[in-house]
Amino acid sequence: MSITPRASPRNSPTSRKIPTSLIYEEIDGVPYYYQGYRTVLARQKTKEDIIGASALQSAVVSLLIHICINTCHLTTI
């Protein structure tokens, strides 16, 4: 009796090419994808929808720092 390996599922991440832009982090060669990457592959959402608004977050933080410096008159210690 011989044992044959199972065929990988049709929709598994290993059977199709996933863009590196959807990989959040890679540890020991194992890619960890952004949550919701499957919806991007299904063309239901865009990459920007699942990755977040980093440009917007950066602008808000910069604005808050600018306000704090101008209103608090921070001095060096």
PDB file of N, CA and C in Angstrom:
ATOM      1  N   MET A   1       0.850  -1.170   0.000  1.00  0.00           N
ATOM      2  CA  MET A   1       0.000   0.000   0.000  1.00  0.00           C
ATOM      3  C   MET A   1       0.899   1.238   0.000  1.00  0.00           C
ATOM      4  N   SER A   2       0.693   2.096  -0.942  1.00  0.00           N
ATOM      5  CA  SER A   2       1.494   3.313  -1.024  1.00  0.00           C
ATOM      6  C   SER A   2       0.677   4.509  -0.559  1.00  0.00           C
ATOM      7  N   ILE A   3       1.390   5.455  -0.025  1.00  0.00           N
ATOM      8  CA  ILE A   3       0.743   6.672   0.465  1.00  0.00           C
ATOM      9  C   ILE A   3       1.062   7.790  -0.503  1.00  0.00           C
ATOM     10  N   THR A   4       0.009   8.437  -0.977  1.00  0.00           N
ATOM     11  CA  THR A   4       0.204   9.559  -1.890  1.00  0.00           C
ATOM     12  C   THR A   4      -0.049  10.857  -1.129  1.00  0.00           C
ATOM     13  N   PRO A   5       0.749  11.866  -1.412  1.00  0.00           N
ATOM     14  CA  PRO A   5       0.538  13.148  -0.709  1.00  0.00           C
ATOM     15  C   PRO A   5      -0.754  13.798  -1.172  1.00  0.00           C
ATOM     16  N   ARG A   6      -1.348  14.506  -0.249  1.00  0.00           N
ATOM     17  CA  ARG A   6      -2.579  15.230  -0.579  1.00  0.00           C
ATOM     18  C   ARG A   6      -2.277  16.409  -1.489  1.00  0.00           C
ATOM     19  N   ALA A   7      -3.191  16.675  -2.366  1.00  0.00           N
ATOM     20  CA  ALA A   7      -3.070  17.871  -3.197  1.00  0.00           C
ATOM     21  C   ALA A   7      -3.411  19.074  -2.330  1.00  0.00           C
ATOM     22  N   SER A   8      -2.661  20.146  -2.502  1.00  0.00           N
ATOM     23  CA  SER A   8      -2.934  21.335  -1.704  1.00  0.00           C
ATOM     24  C   SER A   8      -4.266  21.938  -2.134  1.00  0.00           C
ATOM     25  N   PRO A   9      -4.966  22.558  -1.184  1.00  0.00           N
ATOM     26  CA  PRO A   9      -6.243  23.179  -1.529  1.00  0.00           C
ATOM     27  C   PRO A   9      -6.075  24.222  -2.628  1.00  0.00           C
ATOM     28  N   ARG A  10      -7.111  24.412  -3.364  1.00  0.00           N
ATOM     29  CA  ARG A  10      -7.069  25.308  -4.516  1.00  0.00           C
ATOM     30  C   ARG A  10      -6.784  26.754  -4.141  1.00  0.00           C
ATOM     31  N   ASN A  11      -7.312  27.175  -3.012  1.00  0.00           N
ATOM     32  CA  ASN A  11      -7.188  28.579  -2.619  1.00  0.00           C
ATOM     33  C   ASN A  11      -6.136  28.817  -1.555  1.00  0.00           C
ATOM     34  N   SER A  12      -5.253  27.870  -1.338  1.00  0.00           N
ATOM     35  CA  SER A  12      -4.251  28.074  -0.300  1.00  0.00           C
ATOM     36  C   SER A  12      -3.240  29.123  -0.739  1.00  0.00           C
ATOM     37  N   PRO A  13      -2.667  29.850   0.227  1.00  0.00           N
ATOM     38  CA  PRO A  13      -1.691  30.890  -0.113  1.00  0.00           C
ATOM     39  C   PRO A  13      -0.466  30.361  -0.845  1.00  0.00           C
ATOM     40  N   THR A  14      -0.132  29.089  -0.651  1.00  0.00           N
ATOM     41  CA  THR A  14       1.058  28.551  -1.297  1.00  0.00           C
ATOM     42  C   THR A  14       0.823  28.230  -2.757  1.00  0.00           C
ATOM     43  N   SER A  15      -0.437  28.084  -3.168  1.00  0.00           N
ATOM     44  CA  SER A  15      -0.704  27.699  -4.551  1.00  0.00           C
ATOM     45  C   SER A  15      -0.786  28.889  -5.501  1.00  0.00           C
ATOM     46  N   ARG A  16      -0.817  30.102  -4.982  1.00  0.00           N
ATOM     47  CA  ARG A  16      -0.854  31.284  -5.849  1.00  0.00           C
ATOM     48  C   ARG A  16       0.133  32.327  -5.337  1.00  0.00           C
ATOM     49  N   LYS A  17       0.510  33.193  -6.210  1.00  0.00           N
ATOM     50  CA  LYS A  17       1.501  34.210  -5.878  1.00  0.00           C
ATOM     51  C   LYS A  17       0.822  35.364  -5.146  1.00  0.00           C
ATOM     52  N   ILE A  18       1.292  35.647  -3.939  1.00  0.00           N
ATOM     53  CA  ILE A  18       0.767  36.751  -3.144  1.00  0.00           C
ATOM     54  C   ILE A  18       1.799  37.868  -3.174  1.00  0.00           C
ATOM     55  N   PRO A  19       1.388  39.086  -3.510  1.00  0.00           N
ATOM     56  CA  PRO A  19       2.340  40.207  -3.575  1.00  0.00           C
ATOM     57  C   PRO A  19       3.029  40.437  -2.231  1.00  0.00           C
ATOM     58  N   THR A  20       4.286  40.796  -2.304  1.00  0.00           N
ATOM     59  CA  THR A  20       5.044  41.039  -1.075  1.00  0.00           C
ATOM     60  C   THR A  20       4.511  42.246  -0.307  1.00  0.00           C
ATOM     61  N   SER A  21       3.770  43.109  -0.969  1.00  0.00           N
ATOM     62  CA  SER A  21       3.211  44.269  -0.278  1.00  0.00           C
ATOM     63  C   SER A  21       2.123  43.868   0.718  1.00  0.00           C
ATOM     64  N   LEU A  22       1.614  42.639   0.625  1.00  0.00           N
ATOM     65  CA  LEU A  22       0.602  42.169   1.564  1.00  0.00           C
ATOM     66  C   LEU A  22       1.209  41.416   2.738  1.00  0.00           C
ATOM     67  N   ILE A  23       2.535  41.279   2.758  1.00  0.00           N
ATOM     68  CA  ILE A  23       3.206  40.603   3.859  1.00  0.00           C
ATOM     69  C   ILE A  23       3.535  41.631   4.928  1.00  0.00           C
ATOM     70  N   TYR A  24       3.015  41.397   6.125  1.00  0.00           N
ATOM     71  CA  TYR A  24       3.241  42.307   7.244  1.00  0.00           C
ATOM     72  C   TYR A  24       4.627  42.099   7.824  1.00  0.00           C
ATOM     73  N   GLU A  25       4.999  40.826   8.006  1.00  0.00           N
ATOM     74  CA  GLU A  25       6.267  40.494   8.625  1.00  0.00           C
ATOM     75  C   GLU A  25       6.646  39.081   8.218  1.00  0.00           C
ATOM     76  N   GLU A  26       7.927  38.789   8.228  1.00  0.00           N
ATOM     77  CA  GLU A  26       8.392  37.445   7.922  1.00  0.00           C
ATOM     78  C   GLU A  26       9.329  37.002   9.035  1.00  0.00           C
ATOM     79  N   ILE A  27       8.985  35.880   9.669  1.00  0.00           N
ATOM     80  CA  ILE A  27       9.779  35.356  10.775  1.00  0.00           C
ATOM     81  C   ILE A  27      10.204  33.938  10.425  1.00  0.00           C
ATOM     82  N   ASP A  28      11.500  33.696  10.421  1.00  0.00           N
ATOM     83  CA  ASP A  28      12.066  32.387  10.088  1.00  0.00           C
ATOM     84  C   ASP A  28      11.558  31.875   8.747  1.00  0.00           C
ATOM     85  N   GLY A  29      11.417  32.759   7.798  1.00  0.00           N
ATOM     86  CA  GLY A  29      10.991  32.373   6.462  1.00  0.00           C
ATOM     87  C   GLY A  29       9.493  32.174   6.311  1.00  0.00           C
ATOM     88  N   VAL A  30       8.733  32.364   7.389  1.00  0.00           N
ATOM     89  CA  VAL A  30       7.278  32.196   7.334  1.00  0.00           C
ATOM     90  C   VAL A  30       6.643  33.577   7.195  1.00  0.00           C
ATOM     91  N   PRO A  31       5.933  33.820   6.095  1.00  0.00           N
ATOM     92  CA  PRO A  31       5.311  35.140   5.925  1.00  0.00           C
ATOM     93  C   PRO A  31       4.028  35.257   6.746  1.00  0.00           C
ATOM     94  N   TYR A  32       3.852  36.405   7.369  1.00  0.00           N
ATOM     95  CA  TYR A  32       2.624  36.729   8.079  1.00  0.00           C
ATOM     96  C   TYR A  32       1.970  37.866   7.311  1.00  0.00           C
ATOM     97  N   TYR A  33       0.759  37.605   6.839  1.00  0.00           N
ATOM     98  CA  TYR A  33       0.074  38.549   5.965  1.00  0.00           C
ATOM     99  C   TYR A  33      -0.799  39.501   6.768  1.00  0.00           C
ATOM    100  N   TYR A  34      -1.087  40.646   6.162  1.00  0.00           N
ATOM    101  CA  TYR A  34      -2.024  41.579   6.763  1.00  0.00           C
ATOM    102  C   TYR A  34      -3.383  40.905   6.890  1.00  0.00           C
ATOM    103  N   GLN A  35      -4.088  41.241   7.964  1.00  0.00           N
ATOM    104  CA  GLN A  35      -5.427  40.720   8.137  1.00  0.00           C
ATOM    105  C   GLN A  35      -6.302  41.273   7.009  1.00  0.00           C
ATOM    106  N   GLY A  36      -7.004  40.413   6.335  1.00  0.00           N
ATOM    107  CA  GLY A  36      -7.854  40.827   5.230  1.00  0.00           C
ATOM    108  C   GLY A  36      -7.189  40.724   3.872  1.00  0.00           C
ATOM    109  N   TYR A  37      -6.011  40.088   3.812  1.00  0.00           N
ATOM    110  CA  TYR A  37      -5.318  39.991   2.522  1.00  0.00           C
ATOM    111  C   TYR A  37      -6.120  39.185   1.503  1.00  0.00           C
ATOM    112  N   ARG A  38      -6.951  38.271   1.981  1.00  0.00           N
ATOM    113  CA  ARG A  38      -7.758  37.466   1.056  1.00  0.00           C
ATOM    114  C   ARG A  38      -8.782  38.330   0.313  1.00  0.00           C
ATOM    115  N   THR A  39      -9.298  39.353   0.995  1.00  0.00           N
ATOM    116  CA  THR A  39     -10.262  40.236   0.326  1.00  0.00           C
ATOM    117  C   THR A  39      -9.586  41.063  -0.762  1.00  0.00           C
ATOM    118  N   VAL A  40      -8.297  41.356  -0.571  1.00  0.00           N
ATOM    119  CA  VAL A  40      -7.543  42.067  -1.609  1.00  0.00           C
ATOM    120  C   VAL A  40      -7.336  41.141  -2.809  1.00  0.00           C
ATOM    121  N   LEU A  41      -7.001  39.892  -2.539  1.00  0.00           N
ATOM    122  CA  LEU A  41      -6.805  38.933  -3.628  1.00  0.00           C
ATOM    123  C   LEU A  41      -8.099  38.681  -4.388  1.00  0.00           C
ATOM    124  N   ALA A  42      -9.232  38.774  -3.683  1.00  0.00           N
ATOM    125  CA  ALA A  42     -10.535  38.593  -4.320  1.00  0.00           C
ATOM    126  C   ALA A  42     -11.023  39.880  -4.980  1.00  0.00           C
ATOM    127  N   ARG A  43     -10.200  40.929  -4.900  1.00  0.00           N
ATOM    128  CA  ARG A  43     -10.509  42.249  -5.483  1.00  0.00           C
ATOM    129  C   ARG A  43     -11.760  42.891  -4.898  1.00  0.00           C
ATOM    130  N   GLN A  44     -12.005  42.607  -3.614  1.00  0.00           N
ATOM    131  CA  GLN A  44     -13.129  43.240  -2.923  1.00  0.00           C
ATOM    132  C   GLN A  44     -12.681  44.512  -2.200  1.00  0.00           C
ATOM    133  N   LYS A  45     -11.389  44.565  -1.848  1.00  0.00           N
ATOM    134  CA  LYS A  45     -10.814  45.737  -1.201  1.00  0.00           C
ATOM    135  C   LYS A  45      -9.473  46.041  -1.844  1.00  0.00           C
ATOM    136  N   THR A  46      -8.946  47.223  -1.540  1.00  0.00           N
ATOM    137  CA  THR A  46      -7.622  47.583  -2.039  1.00  0.00           C
ATOM    138  C   THR A  46      -6.592  47.357  -0.937  1.00  0.00           C
ATOM    139  N   LYS A  47      -5.325  47.390  -1.309  1.00  0.00           N
ATOM    140  CA  LYS A  47      -4.254  47.229  -0.322  1.00  0.00           C
ATOM    141  C   LYS A  47      -4.339  48.308   0.744  1.00  0.00           C
ATOM    142  N   GLU A  48      -4.653  49.517   0.328  1.00  0.00           N
ATOM    143  CA  GLU A  48      -4.720  50.636   1.256  1.00  0.00           C
ATOM    144  C   GLU A  48      -5.825  50.456   2.284  1.00  0.00           C
ATOM    145  N   ASP A  49      -6.899  49.768   1.899  1.00  0.00           N
ATOM    146  CA  ASP A  49      -8.000  49.548   2.833  1.00  0.00           C
ATOM    147  C   ASP A  49      -7.582  48.670   4.004  1.00  0.00           C
ATOM    148  N   ILE A  50      -6.752  47.661   3.752  1.00  0.00           N
ATOM    149  CA  ILE A  50      -6.401  46.751   4.837  1.00  0.00           C
ATOM    150  C   ILE A  50      -5.120  47.149   5.561  1.00  0.00           C
ATOM    151  N   ILE A  51      -4.223  47.861   4.891  1.00  0.00           N
ATOM    152  CA  ILE A  51      -2.952  48.212   5.510  1.00  0.00           C
ATOM    153  C   ILE A  51      -3.136  49.360   6.499  1.00  0.00           C
ATOM    154  N   GLY A  52      -4.019  50.274   6.226  1.00  0.00           N
ATOM    155  CA  GLY A  52      -4.265  51.384   7.140  1.00  0.00           C
ATOM    156  C   GLY A  52      -3.879  52.710   6.521  1.00  0.00           C
ATOM    157  N   ALA A  53      -4.018  53.721   7.292  1.00  0.00           N
ATOM    158  CA  ALA A  53      -3.773  55.073   6.811  1.00  0.00           C
ATOM    159  C   ALA A  53      -2.501  55.619   7.442  1.00  0.00           C
ATOM    160  N   SER A  54      -1.370  55.057   7.106  1.00  0.00           N
ATOM    161  CA  SER A  54      -0.125  55.485   7.740  1.00  0.00           C
ATOM    162  C   SER A  54       0.211  56.933   7.404  1.00  0.00           C
ATOM    163  N   ALA A  55      -0.101  57.377   6.210  1.00  0.00           N
ATOM    164  CA  ALA A  55       0.160  58.774   5.853  1.00  0.00           C
ATOM    165  C   ALA A  55      -0.721  59.703   6.679  1.00  0.00           C
ATOM    166  N   LEU A  56      -1.959  59.323   6.868  1.00  0.00           N
ATOM    167  CA  LEU A  56      -2.873  60.122   7.680  1.00  0.00           C
ATOM    168  C   LEU A  56      -2.420  60.132   9.138  1.00  0.00           C
ATOM    169  N   GLN A  57      -2.013  58.986   9.650  1.00  0.00           N
ATOM    170  CA  GLN A  57      -1.533  58.915  11.022  1.00  0.00           C
ATOM    171  C   GLN A  57      -0.295  59.779  11.206  1.00  0.00           C
ATOM    172  N   SER A  58       0.592  59.759  10.251  1.00  0.00           N
ATOM    173  CA  SER A  58       1.801  60.568  10.317  1.00  0.00           C
ATOM    174  C   SER A  58       1.454  62.055  10.328  1.00  0.00           C
ATOM    175  N   ALA A  59       0.508  62.455   9.522  1.00  0.00           N
ATOM    176  CA  ALA A  59       0.106  63.863   9.473  1.00  0.00           C
ATOM    177  C   ALA A  59      -0.518  64.304  10.792  1.00  0.00           C
ATOM    178  N   VAL A  60      -1.329  63.450  11.381  1.00  0.00           N
ATOM    179  CA  VAL A  60      -1.973  63.788  12.654  1.00  0.00           C
ATOM    180  C   VAL A  60      -0.930  63.910  13.761  1.00  0.00           C
ATOM    181  N   VAL A  61       0.012  62.973  13.818  1.00  0.00           N
ATOM    182  CA  VAL A  61       1.059  63.032  14.844  1.00  0.00           C
ATOM    183  C   VAL A  61       1.914  64.275  14.658  1.00  0.00           C
ATOM    184  N   SER A  62       2.276  64.589  13.430  1.00  0.00           N
ATOM    185  CA  SER A  62       3.074  65.790  13.173  1.00  0.00           C
ATOM    186  C   SER A  62       2.331  67.045  13.610  1.00  0.00           C
ATOM    187  N   LEU A  63       1.049  67.102  13.328  1.00  0.00           N
ATOM    188  CA  LEU A  63       0.235  68.252  13.733  1.00  0.00           C
ATOM    189  C   LEU A  63       0.179  68.375  15.251  1.00  0.00           C
ATOM    190  N   LEU A  64      -0.013  67.265  15.939  1.00  0.00           N
ATOM    191  CA  LEU A  64      -0.067  67.301  17.401  1.00  0.00           C
ATOM    192  C   LEU A  64       1.260  67.732  18.010  1.00  0.00           C
ATOM    193  N   ILE A  65       2.352  67.264  17.475  1.00  0.00           N
ATOM    194  CA  ILE A  65       3.669  67.671  17.975  1.00  0.00           C
ATOM    195  C   ILE A  65       3.875  69.161  17.744  1.00  0.00           C
ATOM    196  N   HIS A  66       3.496  69.637  16.570  1.00  0.00           N
ATOM    197  CA  HIS A  66       3.624  71.062  16.256  1.00  0.00           C
ATOM    198  C   HIS A  66       2.797  71.912  17.233  1.00  0.00           C
ATOM    199  N   ILE A  67       1.586  71.478  17.510  1.00  0.00           N
ATOM    200  CA  ILE A  67       0.722  72.211  18.450  1.00  0.00           C
ATOM    201  C   ILE A  67       1.326  72.203  19.842  1.00  0.00           C
ATOM    202  N   CYS A  68       1.821  71.048  20.271  1.00  0.00           N
ATOM    203  CA  CYS A  68       2.409  70.957  21.616  1.00  0.00           C
ATOM    204  C   CYS A  68       3.629  71.853  21.757  1.00  0.00           C
ATOM    205  N   ILE A  69       4.474  71.868  20.759  1.00  0.00           N
ATOM    206  CA  ILE A  69       5.681  72.690  20.828  1.00  0.00           C
ATOM    207  C   ILE A  69       5.320  74.167  20.851  1.00  0.00           C
ATOM    208  N   ASN A  70       4.359  74.568  20.033  1.00  0.00           N
ATOM    209  CA  ASN A  70       3.988  75.988  19.959  1.00  0.00           C
ATOM    210  C   ASN A  70       3.208  76.458  21.183  1.00  0.00           C
ATOM    211  N   THR A  71       2.400  75.627  21.788  1.00  0.00           N
ATOM    212  CA  THR A  71       1.575  76.065  22.907  1.00  0.00           C
ATOM    213  C   THR A  71       2.227  75.838  24.258  1.00  0.00           C
ATOM    214  N   CYS A  72       3.054  74.818  24.357  1.00  0.00           N
ATOM    215  CA  CYS A  72       3.662  74.499  25.646  1.00  0.00           C
ATOM    216  C   CYS A  72       5.017  75.161  25.824  1.00  0.00           C
ATOM    217  N   HIS A  73       5.585  75.683  24.764  1.00  0.00           N
ATOM    218  CA  HIS A  73       6.905  76.311  24.805  1.00  0.00           C
ATOM    219  C   HIS A  73       7.909  75.400  25.491  1.00  0.00           C
ATOM    220  N   LEU A  74       8.066  74.222  24.937  1.00  0.00           N
ATOM    221  CA  LEU A  74       8.975  73.242  25.528  1.00  0.00           C
ATOM    222  C   LEU A  74      10.402  73.770  25.497  1.00  0.00           C
ATOM    223  N   THR A  75      11.079  73.570  26.584  1.00  0.00           N
ATOM    224  CA  THR A  75      12.480  73.974  26.675  1.00  0.00           C
ATOM    225  C   THR A  75      13.352  72.751  26.835  1.00  0.00           C
ATOM    226  N   THR A  76      14.620  72.895  26.532  1.00  0.00           N
ATOM    227  CA  THR A  76      15.538  71.783  26.692  1.00  0.00           C
ATOM    228  C   THR A  76      15.891  71.620  28.155  1.00  0.00           C
ATOM    229  N   ILE A  77      16.157  70.423  28.529  1.00  0.00           N
ATOM    230  CA  ILE A  77      16.466  70.119  29.928  1.00  0.00           C
ATOM    231  C   ILE A  77      17.942  70.159  30.147  1.00  0.00           C
TER     232      ILE A  77
END
